[in-house]
C-alpha atoms as a PDB file:
ATOM      1  CA  MET A   1     100.580  75.330  82.489  1.00  0.00           C
ATOM      2  CA  ALA A   2     101.366  72.344  80.232  1.00  0.00           C
ATOM      3  CA  ARG A   3      97.459  72.017  80.275  1.00  0.00           C
ATOM      4  CA  HIS A   4      97.518  74.407  77.658  1.00  0.00           C
ATOM      5  CA  ASN A   5     100.022  73.068  75.346  1.00  0.00           C
ATOM      6  CA  MET A   6     102.694  75.477  77.383  1.00  0.00           C
ATOM      7  CA  ILE A   7     105.541  73.571  76.936  1.00  0.00           C
ATOM      8  CA  GLY A   8     109.364  74.472  78.221  1.00  0.00           C
ATOM      9  CA  ILE A   9     107.005  77.509  80.132  1.00  0.00           C
ATOM     10  CA  VAL A  10     107.644  77.679  84.021  1.00  0.00           C
ATOM     11  CA  THR A  11     106.106  79.903  86.176  1.00  0.00           C
ATOM     12  CA  SER A  12     109.021  82.530  86.338  1.00  0.00           C
ATOM     13  CA  HIS A  13     108.444  82.507  82.196  1.00  0.00           C
ATOM     14  CA  GLY A  14     104.976  83.049  82.985  1.00  0.00           C
ATOM     15  CA  ASP A  15     105.014  85.955  85.363  1.00  0.00           C
ATOM     16  CA  ILE A  16     107.018  87.294  81.906  1.00  0.00           C
ATOM     17  CA  LEU A  17     104.331  87.075  79.859  1.00  0.00           C
ATOM     18  CA  TYR A  18     101.750  88.382  82.461  1.00  0.00           C
ATOM     19  CA  ALA A  19     104.086  91.773  83.150  1.00  0.00           C
ATOM     20  CA  LEU A  20     104.398  91.711  79.076  1.00  0.00           C
ATOM     21  CA  PHE A  21     101.141  91.132  77.550  1.00  0.00           C
ATOM     22  CA  ARG A  22     100.350  94.051  80.343  1.00  0.00           C
ATOM     23  CA  LYS A  23     102.806  96.534  78.679  1.00  0.00           C
ATOM     24  CA  GLU A  24     103.970  95.534  74.818  1.00  0.00           C
ATOM     25  CA  ARG A  25     107.868  96.694  75.275  1.00  0.00           C
ATOM     26  CA  MET A  26     109.972  96.540  78.868  1.00  0.00           C
ATOM     27  CA  THR A  27     113.575  96.905  79.531  1.00  0.00           C
ATOM     28  CA  MET A  28     115.043  94.013  81.173  1.00  0.00           C
ATOM     29  CA  ALA A  29     115.358  96.831  83.462  1.00  0.00           C
ATOM     30  CA  GLU A  30     111.749  96.752  83.764  1.00  0.00           C
ATOM     31  CA  LEU A  31     110.711  93.699  83.731  1.00  0.00           C
ATOM     32  CA  ALA A  32     113.166  92.601  86.735  1.00  0.00           C
ATOM     33  CA  GLU A  33     111.262  95.413  88.738  1.00  0.00           C
ATOM     34  CA  ALA A  34     107.953  93.616  88.032  1.00  0.00           C
ATOM     35  CA  ILE A  35     107.934  90.171  88.647  1.00  0.00           C
ATOM     36  CA  GLY A  36     110.604  91.545  91.327  1.00  0.00           C
ATOM     37  CA  LYS A  37     114.085  89.534  90.843  1.00  0.00           C
ATOM     38  CA  ASP A  38     117.157  89.956  89.643  1.00  0.00           C
ATOM     39  CA  LYS A  39     118.629  91.218  86.562  1.00  0.00           C
ATOM     40  CA  SER A  40     119.904  88.388  85.659  1.00  0.00           C
ATOM     41  CA  THR A  41     117.646  85.948  86.550  1.00  0.00           C
ATOM     42  CA  VAL A  42     115.480  87.664  83.950  1.00  0.00           C
ATOM     43  CA  THR A  43     118.154  87.786  80.632  1.00  0.00           C
ATOM     44  CA  SER A  44     118.658  84.033  81.821  1.00  0.00           C
ATOM     45  CA  LEU A  45     114.844  83.903  81.607  1.00  0.00           C
ATOM     46  CA  VAL A  46     113.495  86.148  78.593  1.00  0.00           C
ATOM     47  CA  ARG A  47     117.094  84.394  76.470  1.00  0.00           C
ATOM     48  CA  LYS A  48     114.716  80.567  76.908  1.00  0.00           C
ATOM     49  CA  LEU A  49     111.726  82.553  75.937  1.00  0.00           C
ATOM     50  CA  GLU A  50     113.084  83.683  72.997  1.00  0.00           C
ATOM     51  CA  ASP A  51     114.881  80.924  72.225  1.00  0.00           C
ATOM     52  CA  LEU A  52     111.256  78.795  72.539  1.00  0.00           C
ATOM     53  CA  GLY A  53     110.156  81.937  69.815  1.00  0.00           C
ATOM     54  CA  TYR A  54     107.821  83.825  72.199  1.00  0.00           C
ATOM     55  CA  VAL A  55     109.714  87.157  72.774  1.00  0.00           C
ATOM     56  CA  GLN A  56     112.332  89.021  71.007  1.00  0.00           C
ATOM     57  CA  LYS A  57     114.584  91.382  71.892  1.00  0.00           C
ATOM     58  CA  ASP A  58     116.215  95.033  70.815  1.00  0.00           C
ATOM     59  CA  ARG A  59     117.833  97.208  71.252  1.00  0.00           C
ATOM     60  CA  SER A  60     117.782 101.237  72.155  1.00  0.00           C
ATOM     61  CA  SER A  61     118.629 102.987  69.087  1.00  0.00           C
ATOM     62  CA  LYS A  62     119.490 106.016  71.466  1.00  0.00           C
ATOM     63  CA  ASP A  63     121.573 103.463  73.632  1.00  0.00           C
ATOM     64  CA  ALA A  64     122.673 100.157  72.842  1.00  0.00           C
ATOM     65  CA  ARG A  65     123.057  99.126  76.775  1.00  0.00           C
ATOM     66  CA  ILE A  66     119.632  99.319  77.103  1.00  0.00           C
ATOM     67  CA  VAL A  67     117.742  96.348  75.302  1.00  0.00           C
ATOM     68  CA  TYR A  68     113.742  95.874  75.206  1.00  0.00           C
ATOM     69  CA  VAL A  69     111.271  92.467  75.248  1.00  0.00           C
ATOM     70  CA  THR A  70     108.434  92.540  73.561  1.00  0.00           C
ATOM     71  CA  LEU A  71     106.208  89.384  72.578  1.00  0.00           C
ATOM     72  CA  THR A  72     106.178  88.107  69.219  1.00  0.00           C
ATOM     73  CA  GLU A  73     102.544  87.010  67.634  1.00  0.00           C
ATOM     74  CA  LYS A  74     103.265  83.145  69.110  1.00  0.00           C
ATOM     75  CA  GLY A  75     103.705  84.760  72.861  1.00  0.00           C
ATOM     76  CA  ASN A  76     100.892  87.269  72.048  1.00  0.00           C
ATOM     77  CA  SER A  77      99.088  83.955  70.846  1.00  0.00           C
ATOM     78  CA  LEU A  78      99.403  82.661  74.902  1.00  0.00           C
ATOM     79  CA  LYS A  79      96.975  85.809  76.044  1.00  0.00           C
ATOM     80  CA  PRO A  80      94.294  83.244  76.437  1.00  0.00           C
ATOM     81  CA  SER A  81      95.448  80.625  77.807  1.00  0.00           C
ATOM     82  CA  PHE A  82      96.436  82.715  80.961  1.00  0.00           C
ATOM     83  CA  ASP A  83      93.537  84.597  80.977  1.00  0.00           C
ATOM     84  CA  GLN A  84      91.843  81.576  81.576  1.00  0.00           C
ATOM     85  CA  ILE A  85      94.528  80.022  84.200  1.00  0.00           C
ATOM     86  CA  SER A  86      93.278  83.451  85.782  1.00  0.00           C
ATOM     87  CA  ALA A  87      90.231  83.439  85.630  1.00  0.00           C
ATOM     88  CA  ASP A  88      90.373  79.345  86.914  1.00  0.00           C
ATOM     89  CA  ILE A  89      92.487  80.536  89.894  1.00  0.00           C
ATOM     90  CA  ILE A  90      90.505  83.513  91.225  1.00  0.00           C
ATOM     91  CA  ASN A  91      87.844  81.019  90.567  1.00  0.00           C
ATOM     92  CA  LYS A  92      88.920  78.113  92.908  1.00  0.00           C
ATOM     93  CA  VAL A  93      90.775  80.587  95.464  1.00  0.00           C
ATOM     94  CA  PHE A  94      87.052  82.816  95.338  1.00  0.00           C
ATOM     95  CA  LYS A  95      84.459  79.775  95.604  1.00  0.00           C
ATOM     96  CA  ASP A  96      81.807  79.495  98.107  1.00  0.00           C
ATOM     97  CA  ILE A  97      83.255  83.389  99.483  1.00  0.00           C
ATOM     98  CA  PRO A  98      80.698  86.020  99.101  1.00  0.00           C
ATOM     99  CA  GLU A  99      81.764  89.256  97.361  1.00  0.00           C
ATOM    100  CA  SER A 100      80.791  90.941 100.118  1.00  0.00           C
ATOM    101  CA  GLU A 101      83.829  88.766 101.879  1.00  0.00           C
ATOM    102  CA  GLN A 102      85.895  89.386  99.178  1.00  0.00           C
ATOM    103  CA  ASP A 103      85.413  93.248  98.981  1.00  0.00           C
ATOM    104  CA  GLU A 104      86.104  92.812 102.786  1.00  0.00           C
ATOM    105  CA  LEU A 105      89.418  91.193 102.180  1.00  0.00           C
ATOM    106  CA  PHE A 106      90.607  93.200  99.542  1.00  0.00           C
ATOM    107  CA  ARG A 107      90.276  96.296 101.982  1.00  0.00           C
ATOM    108  CA  LEU A 108      92.460  94.125 104.661  1.00  0.00           C
ATOM    109  CA  LEU A 109      95.393  93.614 102.321  1.00  0.00           C
ATOM    110  CA  LYS A 110      95.334  97.208 101.327  1.00  0.00           C
ATOM    111  CA  LYS A 111      95.905  98.266 104.615  1.00  0.00           C
ATOM    112  CA  VAL A 112      98.629  95.434 105.202  1.00  0.00           C
ATOM    113  CA  TYR A 113     100.228  96.319 102.048  1.00  0.00           C
ATOM    114  CA  ASP A 114     100.148 100.384 102.926  1.00  0.00           C
ATOM    115  CA  ASN A 115     101.151  99.907 106.277  1.00  0.00           C
ATOM    116  CA  LEU A 116     104.219  97.070 104.400  1.00  0.00           C
ATOM    117  CA  ASN A 117     105.220 100.420 102.220  1.00  0.00           C
ATOM    118  CA  VAL A 118     105.489 103.152 104.741  1.00  0.00           C
ATOM    119  CA  LEU A 119     108.908 101.053 106.295  1.00  0.00           C
END
């Protein structure tokens, strides 16, 4: 991320930003579930992103205990860089692996995933 001038952002911050690229407005609880971290960790990560100007927090008008997180304009401006980073990783991971073998890998991984979700 440093190569894309994302100063102060670490991988865990990237997880939050990526989740917000997919869904514009999320509660802290939704973010915690989306990135697989506990709420206290997410609170700390969001605070840092807010300090850097990438996200903003708003309390629900119906329930003050609920805090929503959204991307700022500065945060949204990172999406092309994230898309490029994702494409670079995918290209590196699947280099020299034919599409048919990629499909087979995904099929097998889905079986493993489904097996784990039965537990």
